[in-house]
């Protein structure tokens, strides 16, 4: 009985610590299934300027520092359009999963970043990043529609999308918050 109580207390502490760390950036993640697609909405707040946030979100090569991103490189740039190749690696139920994608981003500095997959392992991936500046922080808002190309049941995919994305957005918020101490030259 004591062991059971001990395990319960450890689990409770772990859960409250996980919730605390995500509330540090007011992180919100929602995943809903719409037919064969998943609609993902997320947001988080970081104490950086709008310029620093815009520079961070368009640092495509810097995405390699995020969990699950193995490679991210710019293929081409023309005006406000950027083509990027990405390789993600995750595990679903002990099964390693690599996801390749080539995305086209359309940049509207300090406002919005639109993206759409033009080649890759998912059937459909399209969305946006929106930036909203408040007094002492910037809110990052992510909206996307994803249609996986997988034999794994949708309920399993939905569970892992929620958990993987929460971890990635938490990591993004942490990395973005470091931009405050070393603002890009374009923002000084």
Protein backbone atom coordinates (compact mmCIF):
# COMPACT_ATOMS: atom_id res chain seq x y z
CA UNK A 1 0.00 0.00 0.00
CA UNK A 2 2.86 2.38 0.85
CA UNK A 3 4.48 1.71 -2.51
CA UNK A 4 1.23 2.51 -4.30
CA UNK A 5 0.88 5.78 -2.36
CA UNK A 6 4.52 6.64 -3.10
CA UNK A 7 4.02 6.06 -6.84
CA UNK A 8 0.84 8.16 -6.79
CA UNK A 9 2.70 11.08 -5.12
CA UNK A 10 5.55 10.90 -7.63
CA UNK A 11 3.10 10.84 -10.53
CA UNK A 12 1.14 13.77 -9.08
CA UNK A 13 4.30 15.84 -8.66
CA UNK A 14 5.42 15.01 -12.20
CA UNK A 15 2.07 16.05 -13.63
CA UNK A 16 2.01 19.35 -11.73
CA UNK A 17 5.59 20.12 -12.77
CA UNK A 18 4.75 19.41 -16.41
CA UNK A 19 1.75 21.71 -16.18
CA UNK A 20 3.84 24.43 -14.54
CA UNK A 21 6.48 24.37 -17.25
CA UNK A 22 3.89 24.69 -20.01
CA UNK A 23 2.10 27.53 -18.21
CA UNK A 24 5.34 29.53 -18.12
CA UNK A 25 4.63 30.48 -21.74
CA UNK A 26 0.84 30.18 -21.50
CA UNK A 27 1.11 27.26 -23.93
CA UNK A 28 -2.14 26.01 -25.40
CA UNK A 29 -2.39 23.10 -27.86
CA UNK A 30 -5.61 21.74 -29.37
CA UNK A 31 -5.84 18.86 -31.85
CA UNK A 32 -9.17 17.87 -33.37
CA UNK A 33 -9.95 15.33 -36.01
CA UNK A 34 -11.93 16.51 -39.03
CA UNK A 35 -12.49 13.54 -41.33
CA UNK A 36 -9.07 12.16 -42.29
CA UNK A 37 -7.31 15.39 -41.29
CA UNK A 38 -6.25 16.85 -38.00
CA UNK A 39 -6.72 20.51 -37.22
CA UNK A 40 -4.01 21.81 -34.91
CA UNK A 41 -4.19 25.12 -33.06
CA UNK A 42 -1.52 26.23 -30.66
CA UNK A 43 -0.25 29.40 -29.08
CA UNK A 44 2.39 30.53 -26.63
CA UNK A 45 3.74 33.82 -25.29
CA UNK A 46 7.39 34.82 -25.13
CA UNK A 47 8.88 38.01 -23.62
CA UNK A 48 10.54 39.18 -26.86
CA UNK A 49 9.78 41.92 -29.38
CA UNK A 50 7.79 41.39 -32.55
CA UNK A 51 10.98 41.80 -34.62
CA UNK A 52 12.79 39.15 -32.56
CA UNK A 53 9.80 36.81 -32.89
CA UNK A 54 9.64 37.30 -36.66
CA UNK A 55 13.37 36.64 -37.00
CA UNK A 56 13.06 33.52 -34.84
CA UNK A 57 10.11 32.02 -36.73
CA UNK A 58 11.82 32.53 -40.11
CA UNK A 59 15.14 31.01 -39.02
CA UNK A 60 14.52 27.82 -41.00
CA UNK A 61 17.99 26.38 -40.39
CA UNK A 62 17.61 26.98 -36.65
CA UNK A 63 14.72 24.50 -36.58
CA UNK A 64 17.38 21.76 -36.29
CA UNK A 65 17.66 22.73 -32.60
CA UNK A 66 14.09 21.62 -31.90
CA UNK A 67 13.09 18.14 -30.71
CA UNK A 68 12.34 15.74 -33.52
CA UNK A 69 13.87 17.92 -36.27
CA UNK A 70 16.86 16.12 -37.78
CA UNK A 71 17.47 18.48 -40.70
CA UNK A 72 16.04 21.74 -42.01
CA UNK A 73 17.53 23.68 -44.90
CA UNK A 74 16.52 26.40 -47.31
CA UNK A 75 16.20 25.11 -50.88
CA UNK A 76 15.46 28.46 -52.53
CA UNK A 77 14.37 32.00 -51.80
CA UNK A 78 12.52 34.34 -54.17
CA UNK A 79 11.05 37.57 -52.83
CA UNK A 80 8.94 36.69 -49.81
CA UNK A 81 8.70 32.98 -50.75
CA UNK A 82 11.07 30.43 -49.25
CA UNK A 83 11.24 26.70 -50.00
CA UNK A 84 12.50 24.54 -47.15
CA UNK A 85 13.31 20.83 -46.87
CA UNK A 86 12.77 19.20 -43.47
CA UNK A 87 13.40 15.78 -41.99
CA UNK A 88 11.59 14.89 -38.77
CA UNK A 89 12.16 11.80 -36.69
CA UNK A 90 9.79 10.56 -33.97
CA UNK A 91 8.81 7.29 -32.33
CA UNK A 92 5.27 5.97 -32.18
CA UNK A 93 4.93 2.91 -29.95
CA UNK A 94 8.63 2.03 -30.29
CA UNK A 95 8.41 2.36 -34.07
CA UNK A 96 10.85 4.92 -35.49
CA UNK A 97 9.13 7.24 -37.94
CA UNK A 98 10.87 9.56 -40.40
CA UNK A 99 8.83 12.28 -42.05
CA UNK A 100 10.25 14.20 -44.98
CA UNK A 101 8.62 17.34 -46.28
CA UNK A 102 9.31 20.20 -48.61
CA UNK A 103 7.40 23.32 -47.69
CA UNK A 104 6.85 26.68 -49.28
CA UNK A 105 6.68 29.56 -46.83
CA UNK A 106 5.29 32.99 -47.67
CA UNK A 107 6.66 35.62 -45.30
CA UNK A 108 4.86 38.76 -44.19
CA UNK A 109 7.44 40.08 -41.67
CA UNK A 110 6.23 40.84 -38.15
CA UNK A 111 2.72 39.57 -39.00
CA UNK A 112 2.17 36.17 -40.56
CA UNK A 113 4.02 33.22 -42.04
CA UNK A 114 1.98 31.00 -44.36
CA UNK A 115 3.19 27.52 -45.27
CA UNK A 116 2.13 24.61 -47.45
CA UNK A 117 3.75 21.27 -48.20
CA UNK A 118 4.42 20.77 -51.90
CA UNK A 119 6.17 17.43 -51.53
CA UNK A 120 6.54 14.97 -48.69
CA UNK A 121 5.42 12.02 -46.65
CA UNK A 122 2.14 13.45 -45.39
CA UNK A 123 -0.86 13.64 -47.71
CA UNK A 124 -1.60 17.24 -46.72
CA UNK A 125 0.04 19.87 -44.54
CA UNK A 126 -0.88 23.55 -44.69
CA UNK A 127 -1.11 26.33 -42.15
CA UNK A 128 0.16 29.56 -40.70
CA UNK A 129 2.06 31.25 -37.91
CA UNK A 130 0.66 34.58 -36.72
CA UNK A 131 2.46 36.99 -34.42
CA UNK A 132 0.68 39.36 -32.04
CA UNK A 133 2.61 41.92 -30.04
CA UNK A 134 1.54 42.90 -26.54
CA UNK A 135 3.22 45.25 -24.09
CA UNK A 136 6.13 43.05 -22.97
CA UNK A 137 5.71 39.90 -25.03
CA UNK A 138 4.77 38.43 -28.39
CA UNK A 139 2.17 35.71 -28.89
CA UNK A 140 2.93 33.02 -31.46
CA UNK A 141 -0.24 31.46 -32.90
CA UNK A 142 0.01 28.30 -35.02
CA UNK A 143 -2.87 26.87 -37.07
CA UNK A 144 -2.50 23.91 -39.42
CA UNK A 145 -4.32 21.08 -41.13
CA UNK A 146 -2.46 17.77 -41.37
CA UNK A 147 -3.44 14.58 -43.13
CA UNK A 148 -1.01 11.78 -42.30
CA UNK A 149 -0.13 9.11 -44.80
CA UNK A 150 0.02 6.20 -42.38
CA UNK A 151 -1.42 2.80 -41.60
CA UNK A 152 -1.33 3.61 -37.89
CA UNK A 153 -4.88 4.07 -36.49
CA UNK A 154 -6.05 7.71 -36.30
CA UNK A 155 -6.60 7.58 -32.53
CA UNK A 156 -2.95 6.60 -31.99
CA UNK A 157 -1.75 9.31 -34.39
CA UNK A 158 -3.93 11.90 -32.65
CA UNK A 159 -2.50 11.00 -29.23
CA UNK A 160 1.08 11.29 -30.45
CA UNK A 161 0.46 14.47 -32.44
CA UNK A 162 -0.82 16.12 -29.26
CA UNK A 163 2.16 15.02 -27.19
CA UNK A 164 4.84 15.61 -29.82
CA UNK A 165 3.52 19.06 -30.69
CA UNK A 166 3.25 20.10 -27.04
CA UNK A 167 6.91 19.16 -26.55
CA UNK A 168 7.95 20.98 -29.74
CA UNK A 169 6.02 24.15 -28.92
CA UNK A 170 7.42 24.18 -25.36
CA UNK A 171 10.91 23.85 -26.79
CA UNK A 172 10.24 26.60 -29.35
CA UNK A 173 9.05 28.93 -26.60
CA UNK A 174 12.17 28.23 -24.53
CA UNK A 175 14.52 28.79 -27.48
CA UNK A 176 12.63 31.94 -28.58
CA UNK A 177 12.86 33.38 -25.06
CA UNK A 178 16.67 33.20 -25.34
CA UNK A 179 16.46 35.68 -28.25
CA UNK A 180 15.79 38.41 -25.68
CA UNK A 181 19.37 38.16 -24.39
CA UNK A 182 20.89 38.15 -27.90
CA UNK A 183 18.60 40.14 -30.23
CA UNK A 184 19.34 39.80 -33.97
CA UNK A 185 21.21 42.67 -35.60
CA UNK A 186 18.13 43.51 -37.69
CA UNK A 187 16.16 44.21 -34.47
CA UNK A 188 18.63 46.53 -32.71
